[in-house]
Amino acid sequence: MEVVMSAYVAASEISMMEIVLKWMEKDPNFVVDWKVYSIAANGYLKVGLIEKALPMQNELYRAWNTFKPQGDEKMGPSYACMITCLAKLDDIDGAEKIFEEWESQCSTVCDNRVLICLLIAYCKEALFEKAESAVTKALEGGKPHASLWNVLAMGYKRDNQMAKGAEMLKRALSAGKQRWSPNSVTLAACLDYSEGQGDVGGTEDTIRLLKKLGPLTRDIYHRWLRICVATGASVSEVLDHMKKDGNLPMKKHTRSLNLGF
């Protein structure tokens, strides 16, 4: 029945969602767990019925305390979902407590997805100091994880703090492994910002970090070529990379960049 409720939420058929919920609550054969109330809360929030979403918050906590996973190595998705639900209800304090509960049960390396959900919640409320502190704490004694910095870069970009966004993006790229890639919209925005600020060195540093992770797109290569032209640097290195990636520029692009061929 969770699937049916989710389908009604997706279609914004909130009255039908309510009918299913009430039917499940009355039927003793159904266990109405925390996931059901999270679906209901998301449905109300989707259509702006805040006054109906808030009571679901109490039901969500009640059901969570009754049915939360215990001693399961795969608890991460459940905790991540709960944190996301509370964040949608603007319950940051609650999200933090759920994360602390999850963290206390981690005997080895914790599931980064749970922390990522908390970071998204912090960034949504522009609580960037808390977000950075959470990442710093998570990385103590361990290797940096690119996805954590990537979330911060996305958050700063959405808040129009592009200098910080560009900084977090570089940290993400530095920590990234082969074939990992950052959020494409954030990457483009940070490169646009660096170019717009006349930060040629910063833009090129970002592109070089990106290149270490895998082949670049044609757009990124064209940015790199523009930088070389602007600074009078040789384009041979860029063209060599493009040749290896099978991404050589078309003649119309080379003419527009005044590369001389």
Protein backbone atom coordinates (compact mmCIF):
# COMPACT_ATOMS: atom_id res chain seq x y z
CA MET A 1 0.00 0.00 0.00
CA GLU A 2 3.01 2.27 0.38
CA VAL A 3 3.35 2.08 -3.40
CA VAL A 4 -0.27 3.13 -3.85
CA MET A 5 0.18 6.07 -1.49
CA SER A 6 3.36 7.13 -3.27
CA ALA A 7 1.55 6.97 -6.61
CA TYR A 8 -1.19 9.28 -5.33
CA VAL A 9 1.43 11.67 -3.94
CA ALA A 10 3.23 11.70 -7.30
CA ALA A 11 -0.07 12.59 -8.98
CA SER A 12 -0.86 15.19 -6.25
CA GLU A 13 -4.05 13.24 -5.46
CA ILE A 14 -3.85 14.03 -1.77
CA SER A 15 -7.48 13.21 -0.97
CA MET A 16 -6.96 9.68 -2.32
CA MET A 17 -3.71 9.41 -0.37
CA GLU A 18 -5.65 10.29 2.80
CA ILE A 19 -8.26 7.62 2.09
CA VAL A 20 -5.56 4.96 1.77
CA LEU A 21 -3.82 6.18 4.94
CA LYS A 22 -7.02 6.13 7.01
CA TRP A 23 -7.90 2.70 5.69
CA MET A 24 -4.45 1.35 6.64
CA GLU A 25 -4.71 2.89 10.12
CA LYS A 26 -8.05 1.18 10.74
CA ASP A 27 -7.13 -2.20 9.29
CA PRO A 28 -5.41 -4.37 11.95
CA ASN A 29 -3.79 -6.43 9.21
CA PHE A 30 -1.58 -3.49 8.20
CA VAL A 31 1.43 -2.20 10.08
CA VAL A 32 1.55 1.56 9.63
CA ASP A 33 5.25 2.21 10.07
CA TRP A 34 7.29 5.44 9.87
CA LYS A 35 7.68 5.15 6.10
CA VAL A 36 3.93 5.48 5.63
CA TYR A 37 3.81 8.71 7.62
CA SER A 38 6.84 10.06 5.77
CA ILE A 39 5.00 9.51 2.48
CA ALA A 40 1.96 11.32 3.88
CA ALA A 41 4.08 14.22 5.14
CA ASN A 42 5.80 14.54 1.76
CA GLY A 43 2.40 14.53 0.07
CA TYR A 44 1.08 17.36 2.21
CA LEU A 45 4.25 19.38 1.76
CA LYS A 46 4.16 18.88 -1.99
CA VAL A 47 0.82 20.70 -2.25
CA GLY A 48 1.62 23.25 0.46
CA LEU A 49 -0.64 21.85 3.20
CA ILE A 50 1.78 22.66 6.01
CA GLU A 51 -0.94 22.52 8.68
CA LYS A 52 -1.61 18.88 7.77
CA ALA A 53 2.05 17.98 7.36
CA LEU A 54 3.02 19.02 10.89
CA PRO A 55 0.80 16.47 12.71
CA MET A 56 2.43 13.81 10.53
CA GLN A 57 5.72 14.80 12.15
CA ASN A 58 4.50 13.52 15.56
CA GLU A 59 3.20 10.32 13.96
CA LEU A 60 6.51 9.95 12.15
CA TYR A 61 8.47 10.03 15.41
CA ARG A 62 6.06 7.63 17.10
CA ALA A 63 6.28 5.13 14.26
CA TRP A 64 10.04 5.53 13.97
CA ASN A 65 10.60 4.76 17.66
CA THR A 66 8.40 1.68 17.29
CA PHE A 67 9.61 0.29 13.99
CA LYS A 68 13.12 1.67 13.42
CA PRO A 69 15.69 -0.91 12.27
CA GLN A 70 17.75 -2.59 14.96
CA GLY A 71 21.15 -4.22 14.58
CA ASP A 72 20.92 -4.33 10.80
CA GLU A 73 24.09 -3.65 8.85
CA LYS A 74 21.94 -2.13 6.11
CA MET A 75 20.28 0.47 8.33
CA GLY A 76 21.79 3.36 6.33
CA PRO A 77 18.94 3.81 3.81
CA SER A 78 16.32 3.92 6.59
CA TYR A 79 18.22 6.54 8.60
CA ALA A 80 18.94 8.54 5.45
CA CYS A 81 15.23 8.52 4.54
CA MET A 82 14.20 9.60 8.05
CA ILE A 83 16.68 12.51 8.03
CA THR A 84 15.41 13.60 4.61
CA CYS A 85 11.79 13.52 5.82
CA LEU A 86 12.56 15.59 8.90
CA ALA A 87 14.52 18.08 6.79
CA LYS A 88 11.49 18.54 4.55
CA LEU A 89 9.51 19.36 7.69
CA ASP A 90 12.24 21.88 8.64
CA ASP A 91 13.03 19.80 11.73
CA ILE A 92 16.82 20.22 11.70
CA ASP A 93 17.16 19.45 15.40
CA GLY A 94 15.35 16.18 14.85
CA ALA A 95 17.48 15.35 11.82
CA GLU A 96 20.62 15.95 13.89
CA LYS A 97 19.41 13.65 16.66
CA ILE A 98 18.61 10.88 14.19
CA PHE A 99 22.08 11.27 12.68
CA GLU A 100 23.71 11.12 16.12
CA GLU A 101 21.73 7.98 16.86
CA TRP A 102 22.93 6.45 13.61
CA GLU A 103 26.51 7.57 14.22
CA SER A 104 26.54 5.97 17.67
CA GLN A 105 25.75 2.61 16.08
CA CYS A 106 28.55 2.73 13.52
CA SER A 107 31.17 0.21 14.56
CA THR A 108 33.15 0.63 11.34
CA VAL A 109 33.01 3.09 8.45
CA CYS A 110 29.58 4.72 8.33
CA ASP A 111 27.39 4.95 5.25
CA ASN A 112 28.17 8.30 3.63
CA ARG A 113 24.61 8.49 2.31
CA VAL A 114 23.35 9.20 5.83
CA LEU A 115 25.77 12.09 6.29
CA ILE A 116 24.99 13.39 2.81
CA CYS A 117 21.30 13.63 3.74
CA LEU A 118 22.22 15.66 6.82
CA LEU A 119 24.49 17.92 4.74
CA ILE A 120 21.69 18.52 2.25
CA ALA A 121 19.43 19.47 5.16
CA TYR A 122 22.02 21.91 6.49
CA CYS A 123 22.60 23.47 3.07
CA LYS A 124 18.85 23.84 2.53
CA GLU A 125 18.75 26.05 5.63
CA ALA A 126 22.08 27.77 4.77
CA LEU A 127 23.70 26.25 7.87
CA PHE A 128 27.05 26.03 6.11
CA GLU A 129 29.21 26.27 9.22
CA LYS A 130 27.47 23.20 10.62
CA ALA A 131 27.81 21.43 7.28
CA GLU A 132 31.54 22.06 7.04
CA SER A 133 32.04 21.01 10.66
CA ALA A 134 30.19 17.76 10.01
CA VAL A 135 32.40 17.00 7.01
CA THR A 136 35.58 17.86 8.91
CA LYS A 137 34.54 15.57 11.77
CA ALA A 138 33.68 12.75 9.37
CA LEU A 139 37.06 12.98 7.70
CA GLU A 140 39.11 12.88 10.88
CA GLY A 141 41.53 10.01 10.53
CA GLY A 142 40.02 8.99 7.21
CA LYS A 143 40.33 9.76 3.53
CA PRO A 144 38.38 12.70 2.08
CA HIS A 145 35.25 11.66 0.23
CA ALA A 146 34.52 13.63 -2.92
CA SER A 147 30.74 13.40 -2.61
CA LEU A 148 30.76 15.21 0.75
CA TRP A 149 32.58 18.23 -0.65
CA ASN A 150 30.38 18.05 -3.74
CA VAL A 151 27.24 18.51 -1.61
CA LEU A 152 28.77 21.60 -0.03
CA ALA A 153 29.72 22.97 -3.45
CA MET A 154 26.13 22.50 -4.61
CA GLY A 155 24.79 24.16 -1.45
CA TYR A 156 27.02 27.20 -1.75
CA LYS A 157 26.17 27.51 -5.43
CA ARG A 158 22.42 27.48 -4.67
CA ASP A 159 23.04 30.16 -2.02
CA ASN A 160 24.97 32.19 -4.60
CA GLN A 161 28.20 32.02 -2.56
CA MET A 162 30.25 31.20 -5.62
CA ALA A 163 33.72 31.79 -4.12
CA LYS A 164 33.00 29.15 -1.47
CA GLY A 165 31.33 26.95 -4.03
CA ALA A 166 34.43 27.01 -6.23
CA GLU A 167 36.60 26.19 -3.22
CA MET A 168 34.46 23.20 -2.22
CA LEU A 169 34.40 22.00 -5.81
CA LYS A 170 38.21 21.92 -5.93
CA ARG A 171 38.26 19.92 -2.71
CA ALA A 172 35.79 17.47 -4.24
CA LEU A 173 37.86 17.10 -7.39
CA SER A 174 41.07 16.66 -5.38
CA ALA A 175 39.45 13.83 -3.41
CA GLY A 176 37.74 12.27 -6.42
CA LYS A 177 38.69 8.91 -7.87
CA GLN A 178 38.84 7.87 -11.50
CA ARG A 179 35.49 8.22 -13.29
CA TRP A 180 33.95 10.18 -10.41
CA SER A 181 32.35 13.40 -11.60
CA PRO A 182 30.89 16.42 -9.77
CA ASN A 183 27.43 17.86 -10.24
CA SER A 184 27.48 19.21 -13.80
CA VAL A 185 25.41 22.33 -13.08
CA THR A 186 27.62 23.27 -10.14
CA LEU A 187 30.78 22.61 -12.16
CA ALA A 188 29.62 24.88 -14.99
CA ALA A 189 28.58 27.62 -12.56
CA CYS A 190 31.91 27.53 -10.71
CA LEU A 191 33.89 27.65 -13.96
CA ASP A 192 31.75 30.54 -15.18
CA TYR A 193 32.39 32.33 -11.91
CA SER A 194 36.17 31.82 -12.07
CA GLU A 195 36.31 32.99 -15.68
CA GLY A 196 34.09 35.96 -14.89
CA GLN A 197 36.41 36.95 -12.05
CA GLY A 198 39.39 36.80 -14.40
CA ASP A 199 40.84 34.00 -12.29
CA VAL A 200 42.64 32.25 -15.12
CA GLY A 201 44.86 30.21 -12.82
CA GLY A 202 41.95 29.06 -10.68
CA THR A 203 39.93 28.05 -13.73
CA GLU A 204 42.81 26.08 -15.19
CA ASP A 205 43.51 24.40 -11.83
CA THR A 206 39.90 23.22 -11.69
CA ILE A 207 40.05 21.86 -15.23
CA ARG A 208 43.33 20.04 -14.58
CA LEU A 209 41.87 18.43 -11.46
CA LEU A 210 38.85 17.38 -13.50
CA LYS A 211 41.08 15.93 -16.22
CA LYS A 212 42.74 13.58 -13.74
CA LEU A 213 39.37 11.93 -13.15
CA GLY A 214 38.68 11.11 -16.79
CA PRO A 215 38.04 12.52 -20.28
CA LEU A 216 36.71 16.07 -20.48
CA THR A 217 33.66 17.21 -22.40
CA ARG A 218 34.01 19.35 -25.50
CA ASP A 219 32.72 22.38 -23.59
CA ILE A 220 35.40 22.01 -20.90
CA TYR A 221 38.08 21.63 -23.53
CA HIS A 222 36.91 24.80 -25.24
CA ARG A 223 37.14 26.63 -21.92
CA TRP A 224 40.69 25.36 -21.53
CA LEU A 225 41.59 26.51 -25.02
CA ARG A 226 40.13 29.97 -24.30
CA ILE A 227 42.32 30.23 -21.21
CA CYS A 228 45.43 29.32 -23.20
CA VAL A 229 44.60 31.92 -25.84
CA ALA A 230 43.86 34.56 -23.19
CA THR A 231 47.19 33.98 -21.45
CA GLY A 232 49.25 33.42 -24.57
CA ALA A 233 50.11 29.89 -23.45
CA SER A 234 50.66 27.02 -25.87
CA VAL A 235 47.57 25.04 -26.82
CA SER A 236 49.55 21.94 -27.77
CA GLU A 237 48.96 20.18 -24.44
CA VAL A 238 45.21 20.73 -24.65
CA LEU A 239 45.08 19.56 -28.26
CA ASP A 240 47.06 16.44 -27.35
CA HIS A 241 44.55 15.58 -24.65
CA MET A 242 41.68 16.23 -27.04
CA LYS A 243 43.24 13.96 -29.64
CA LYS A 244 43.65 11.14 -27.12
CA ASP A 245 40.02 11.55 -26.07
CA GLY A 246 38.84 11.72 -29.69
CA ASN A 247 37.51 15.20 -29.05
CA LEU A 248 39.42 17.46 -31.41
CA PRO A 249 37.78 20.86 -32.07
CA MET A 250 35.97 21.47 -35.34
CA LYS A 251 37.45 24.07 -37.68
CA LYS A 252 34.82 26.69 -36.90
CA HIS A 253 35.79 26.52 -33.21
CA THR A 254 39.50 26.72 -33.90
CA ARG A 255 38.98 29.78 -36.11
CA SER A 256 36.90 31.51 -33.42
CA LEU A 257 39.69 30.90 -30.92
CA ASN A 258 42.35 32.25 -33.31
CA LEU A 259 44.47 29.13 -33.01
CA GLY A 260 45.94 29.62 -36.47
CA PHE A 261 44.57 26.58 -38.33
